[in-house]
Amino acid sequence: MKKPDYHILVCNSFRMAGDAQGYCNKSGAVDLIQYLMEECDDRGLDVTVSTTGCLNVCSQGPIMVIHPNNLWYGGVTEERIDEILDALEEGEAVEDYLITD
């Protein structure tokens, strides 16, 4: 298997019991995942998108993490995804949306 250029994780608030019940899920993470996958495909980006359990930064959700860059984005929306992917294609980050130093 060829390793993708990027692995994008989207918090979907799954808990130990398996239920998606947290902030990111209630804030539309499921729809963001579909949008993100379609945008990456449309742009020809070599990306794998995965959902995660709770990433424990609910106050800043929905959360999206891009590896191998280790970029943690908060307050993700479809509009922000467009900006983040534009920056990713340029080898940059959108500093205004990062939640880590």
C-alpha atoms as a PDB file:
ATOM      1  CA  MET A   1       0.000   0.000   0.000  1.00  0.00           C
ATOM      2  CA  LYS A   2       1.279   3.432  -0.916  1.00  0.00           C
ATOM      3  CA  LYS A   3       1.261   5.885   1.967  1.00  0.00           C
ATOM      4  CA  PRO A   4      -0.869   8.988   1.230  1.00  0.00           C
ATOM      5  CA  ASP A   5       0.740  12.428   1.324  1.00  0.00           C
ATOM      6  CA  TYR A   6      -1.639  13.521   4.099  1.00  0.00           C
ATOM      7  CA  HIS A   7      -3.810  11.886   6.704  1.00  0.00           C
ATOM      8  CA  ILE A   8      -6.607  14.164   7.869  1.00  0.00           C
ATOM      9  CA  LEU A   9      -8.409  13.307  11.085  1.00  0.00           C
ATOM     10  CA  VAL A  10     -11.807  14.802  11.884  1.00  0.00           C
ATOM     11  CA  CYS A  11     -13.134  14.502  15.416  1.00  0.00           C
ATOM     12  CA  ASN A  12     -16.540  12.874  15.460  1.00  0.00           C
ATOM     13  CA  SER A  13     -16.833  12.708  19.260  1.00  0.00           C
ATOM     14  CA  PHE A  14     -17.075   8.931  19.620  1.00  0.00           C
ATOM     15  CA  ARG A  15     -16.948   7.865  23.285  1.00  0.00           C
ATOM     16  CA  MET A  16     -15.875   4.609  24.933  1.00  0.00           C
ATOM     17  CA  ALA A  17     -19.414   3.230  24.604  1.00  0.00           C
ATOM     18  CA  GLY A  18     -19.244   3.899  20.866  1.00  0.00           C
ATOM     19  CA  ASP A  19     -21.793   6.683  20.722  1.00  0.00           C
ATOM     20  CA  ALA A  20     -20.977   9.910  18.885  1.00  0.00           C
ATOM     21  CA  GLN A  21     -22.359  12.388  21.365  1.00  0.00           C
ATOM     22  CA  GLY A  22     -19.928  15.250  21.854  1.00  0.00           C
ATOM     23  CA  TYR A  23     -19.558  18.771  20.565  1.00  0.00           C
ATOM     24  CA  CYS A  24     -17.897  18.044  17.219  1.00  0.00           C
ATOM     25  CA  ASN A  25     -20.547  15.521  16.220  1.00  0.00           C
ATOM     26  CA  LYS A  26     -23.382  17.814  17.290  1.00  0.00           C
ATOM     27  CA  SER A  27     -21.707  20.656  15.365  1.00  0.00           C
ATOM     28  CA  GLY A  28     -21.871  18.876  12.012  1.00  0.00           C
ATOM     29  CA  ALA A  29     -18.616  16.905  11.847  1.00  0.00           C
ATOM     30  CA  VAL A  30     -20.295  14.163   9.793  1.00  0.00           C
ATOM     31  CA  ASP A  31     -21.197  16.626   7.038  1.00  0.00           C
ATOM     32  CA  LEU A  32     -17.717  18.163   7.203  1.00  0.00           C
ATOM     33  CA  ILE A  33     -16.139  14.760   6.602  1.00  0.00           C
ATOM     34  CA  GLN A  34     -18.109  14.251   3.387  1.00  0.00           C
ATOM     35  CA  TYR A  35     -17.330  17.794   2.219  1.00  0.00           C
ATOM     36  CA  LEU A  36     -13.632  17.373   3.024  1.00  0.00           C
ATOM     37  CA  MET A  37     -13.405  14.084   1.124  1.00  0.00           C
ATOM     38  CA  GLU A  38     -15.091  15.580  -1.939  1.00  0.00           C
ATOM     39  CA  GLU A  39     -12.883  18.686  -1.876  1.00  0.00           C
ATOM     40  CA  CYS A  40      -9.691  16.642  -1.579  1.00  0.00           C
ATOM     41  CA  ASP A  41     -10.815  14.444  -4.463  1.00  0.00           C
ATOM     42  CA  ASP A  42     -11.760  17.459  -6.618  1.00  0.00           C
ATOM     43  CA  ARG A  43      -8.330  18.981  -5.971  1.00  0.00           C
ATOM     44  CA  GLY A  44      -6.482  15.746  -6.692  1.00  0.00           C
ATOM     45  CA  LEU A  45      -4.899  15.708  -3.229  1.00  0.00           C
ATOM     46  CA  ASP A  46      -3.443  12.387  -2.084  1.00  0.00           C
ATOM     47  CA  VAL A  47      -5.297  12.267   1.237  1.00  0.00           C
ATOM     48  CA  THR A  48      -6.849   9.727   3.548  1.00  0.00           C
ATOM     49  CA  VAL A  49      -9.649  11.148   5.720  1.00  0.00           C
ATOM     50  CA  SER A  50     -10.555   9.404   8.976  1.00  0.00           C
ATOM     51  CA  THR A  51     -12.950  10.105  11.799  1.00  0.00           C
ATOM     52  CA  THR A  52     -11.775   9.880  15.384  1.00  0.00           C
ATOM     53  CA  GLY A  53     -13.032   9.558  18.888  1.00  0.00           C
ATOM     54  CA  CYS A  54     -13.066  12.653  21.042  1.00  0.00           C
ATOM     55  CA  LEU A  55      -9.828  14.650  20.747  1.00  0.00           C
ATOM     56  CA  ASN A  56     -10.514  16.394  24.082  1.00  0.00           C
ATOM     57  CA  VAL A  57     -10.595  19.980  22.847  1.00  0.00           C
ATOM     58  CA  CYS A  58     -14.375  20.255  22.608  1.00  0.00           C
ATOM     59  CA  SER A  59     -14.394  23.962  23.378  1.00  0.00           C
ATOM     60  CA  GLN A  60     -12.666  24.558  20.031  1.00  0.00           C
ATOM     61  CA  GLY A  61     -14.516  22.055  17.867  1.00  0.00           C
ATOM     62  CA  PRO A  62     -15.125  20.834  15.306  1.00  0.00           C
ATOM     63  CA  ILE A  63     -11.480  19.740  15.231  1.00  0.00           C
ATOM     64  CA  MET A  64      -9.416  18.672  12.210  1.00  0.00           C
ATOM     65  CA  VAL A  65      -5.812  17.410  12.384  1.00  0.00           C
ATOM     66  CA  ILE A  66      -3.526  17.126   9.354  1.00  0.00           C
ATOM     67  CA  HIS A  67      -0.579  14.727   9.433  1.00  0.00           C
ATOM     68  CA  PRO A  68       2.330  14.532   8.866  1.00  0.00           C
ATOM     69  CA  ASN A  69       2.283  18.321   9.396  1.00  0.00           C
ATOM     70  CA  ASN A  70       0.711  17.980  12.881  1.00  0.00           C
ATOM     71  CA  LEU A  71      -1.621  20.917  12.200  1.00  0.00           C
ATOM     72  CA  TRP A  72      -4.554  21.124  14.643  1.00  0.00           C
ATOM     73  CA  TYR A  73      -7.427  23.284  13.402  1.00  0.00           C
ATOM     74  CA  GLY A  74     -10.451  24.335  15.445  1.00  0.00           C
ATOM     75  CA  GLY A  75     -13.835  25.795  14.617  1.00  0.00           C
ATOM     76  CA  VAL A  76     -13.771  24.002  11.276  1.00  0.00           C
ATOM     77  CA  THR A  77     -16.481  24.883   8.762  1.00  0.00           C
ATOM     78  CA  GLU A  78     -16.826  24.209   5.030  1.00  0.00           C
ATOM     79  CA  GLU A  79     -15.483  27.697   4.304  1.00  0.00           C
ATOM     80  CA  ARG A  80     -12.494  27.102   6.556  1.00  0.00           C
ATOM     81  CA  ILE A  81     -11.847  23.735   4.922  1.00  0.00           C
ATOM     82  CA  ASP A  82     -11.528  25.549   1.587  1.00  0.00           C
ATOM     83  CA  GLU A  83      -8.968  27.957   3.072  1.00  0.00           C
ATOM     84  CA  ILE A  84      -7.083  25.179   4.863  1.00  0.00           C
ATOM     85  CA  LEU A  85      -6.831  23.072   1.697  1.00  0.00           C
ATOM     86  CA  ASP A  86      -5.737  26.112  -0.330  1.00  0.00           C
ATOM     87  CA  ALA A  87      -2.938  26.663   2.188  1.00  0.00           C
ATOM     88  CA  LEU A  88      -2.049  22.961   2.272  1.00  0.00           C
ATOM     89  CA  GLU A  89      -1.608  22.977  -1.505  1.00  0.00           C
ATOM     90  CA  GLU A  90       0.840  25.883  -1.053  1.00  0.00           C
ATOM     91  CA  GLY A  91       2.719  24.091   1.734  1.00  0.00           C
ATOM     92  CA  GLU A  92       1.412  26.541   4.332  1.00  0.00           C
ATOM     93  CA  ALA A  93      -0.923  26.660   7.333  1.00  0.00           C
ATOM     94  CA  VAL A  94      -3.827  28.978   8.128  1.00  0.00           C
ATOM     95  CA  GLU A  95      -2.462  30.440  11.353  1.00  0.00           C
ATOM     96  CA  ASP A  96      -5.792  32.028  12.356  1.00  0.00           C
ATOM     97  CA  TYR A  97      -7.474  28.621  12.746  1.00  0.00           C
ATOM     98  CA  LEU A  98      -4.642  26.699  14.449  1.00  0.00           C
ATOM     99  CA  ILE A  99      -5.328  25.715  18.051  1.00  0.00           C
ATOM    100  CA  THR A 100      -1.783  24.576  18.868  1.00  0.00           C
ATOM    101  CA  ASP A 101       1.531  26.378  18.939  1.00  0.00           C
END
